[in-house]
Amino acid sequence: MRRRTAAALVAAIVLAAGGCGGSAQEGAKTVDPQAKVKLTWWTGQTADAEKVLEGLAATFTQQHPNVTIEVSSGASTTDDLLQKLSAGFASGVYPDISYAFGSWASQLQESGKTLDLTEKVKDPAVKWAEFPEAARTTATPNGQVIGFPAIVDNLSLLYNKKLFDAKGVAYPTDEWTWDDFRAAAKKLTDPAEKIYGTAYSVSASEDTTWHFWPLLWQRGGSILSQDQKKAAFNSQAGVDALEFLRAMAVDDKSVYLDQTDERYAPLFADGRIGMIINGPWSLYDLKQKKTDYGVAFLPGTNGDHQTVSGPDLWTLFDNGDANRAYWSFELIKWLTSAEGDAQWNLTQGNLPLRNSETKLPEYEKYVKEYPGAEKMVANLANAKQARPTVSGYVEMSRHVGEAIAKAMQGAAPPKQALDEAAQKSAIALAGG
């Protein structure tokens, strides 16, 4: 998938509960694997990626002639899928399978419209444990498995070799500290040439927020309290992390502040920004631009190089038909197998879903075609914590994003900004 941003989120939407609006049509109560079945699949993909999935759907139906699959993007952008699903739940007309950002998981599960796959993924044939832990956690909101991982990723440090060479700055290493990062950003910044050492999104979207979580975690902080009902990001660890970002942006002026999420990656590719913290979705564009770049782990704190992963999902929905449920599961089990995923994610420049894929010939081709991909695969081991899947996360993330944007633009001290975000998030996190 070619993500429009790292994982841009729409505003919080209360999904229609099972008793609101129409209901799915009554279908088969018991499974007949030979019965004719028509599935609806919303992929959330852009045109090129959509064609790949249409081809894979055709391959699946050739192997299973009783199955017909209606494949479409589902909405004009991936972001719009949540609102489209919400409307579908209310009317009783919604797909069997849909792409979903991982941060929507709790909202989708709480709609009462998802299939419960908790027992089914225990089948050894599924090889559920091969998926990264963060992806499995994201797919299991409120203790219920609602789908399969669709995309796994992480944030890594990308650097423009041409700019580093021009300034005589040593390339980043996997052992870098944040002080090393800050010092290099200052050296790379050239106001006269409008070149910045690094960049940060201040759009207040999830792209703003999730870039902040590794700095918080590395300092021993948490996003939420242990019971996941209260904000904890405004701890001293959070304040220190945001103060670091503020100092780089306001004092050093070494940070390009992107108001849109959309500009910093192209500017990096064009040699206007020395370093960005980004993920595997960047590799395709860098390849197209022929940018001379390198990849390293995130800078660390006291030897901790934790990163954040933003797994997305193929979510399966209950349309009241046992045969549709059966074949939805079989389709996505097949797509996310090592062999299926090699035809999907690896061809798109995304990271492999399963560690077993690294032994496939397609993986060797993938790492040659996308320099730095192997480092990002290794960096999955540094994704030790998952973003919360509580239903209040979307709204909380927006408030945290606003706090980061204020602090980095010098509009509020870090502590004040984070305390305000925690206060604003209280109602959403309490289930209000």
Foldseek 3Di string as FASTA:
>chain_A
DQALFQFFADFADQAAAQVAADAFDAAAPDADLLAAEEFEEAEQDDDVLQVLVVVLQVVVCVVVVSYHYHYDNCDPGSNCNVVSQRVCSNHRHDGQKYWFWLLCQQSVVRNVWFDFCLPVCVPVLLVLVQFQPQQQVSCQPPNTRFFHWDFKKWWWKKFFVVLCVVLVHDDDAQAAAVVSLLVQQLSSDDVVVLAAAEEAELLLTLSRQQQQVQQLVLLVWDQADPVQQAGGCLPPSNLVSLVSLQCSCPVSVRYHYHNPSNPRLVCRLVPRYGMYTDIQSSQVVSLVSVGRMEIYQAHGDPRQRAIAMTTIGTGGTDSNYPHSNVVVVVSRSQCLDLVNVLSRQLVSRGARRGPVNCPPPSVVVSCVSGPHNVNRNVNSVRNPDHDDNHSLPRVLSSQVSNLSSCSNVVNDRNSVSVVVSRVVSNVSSNVD
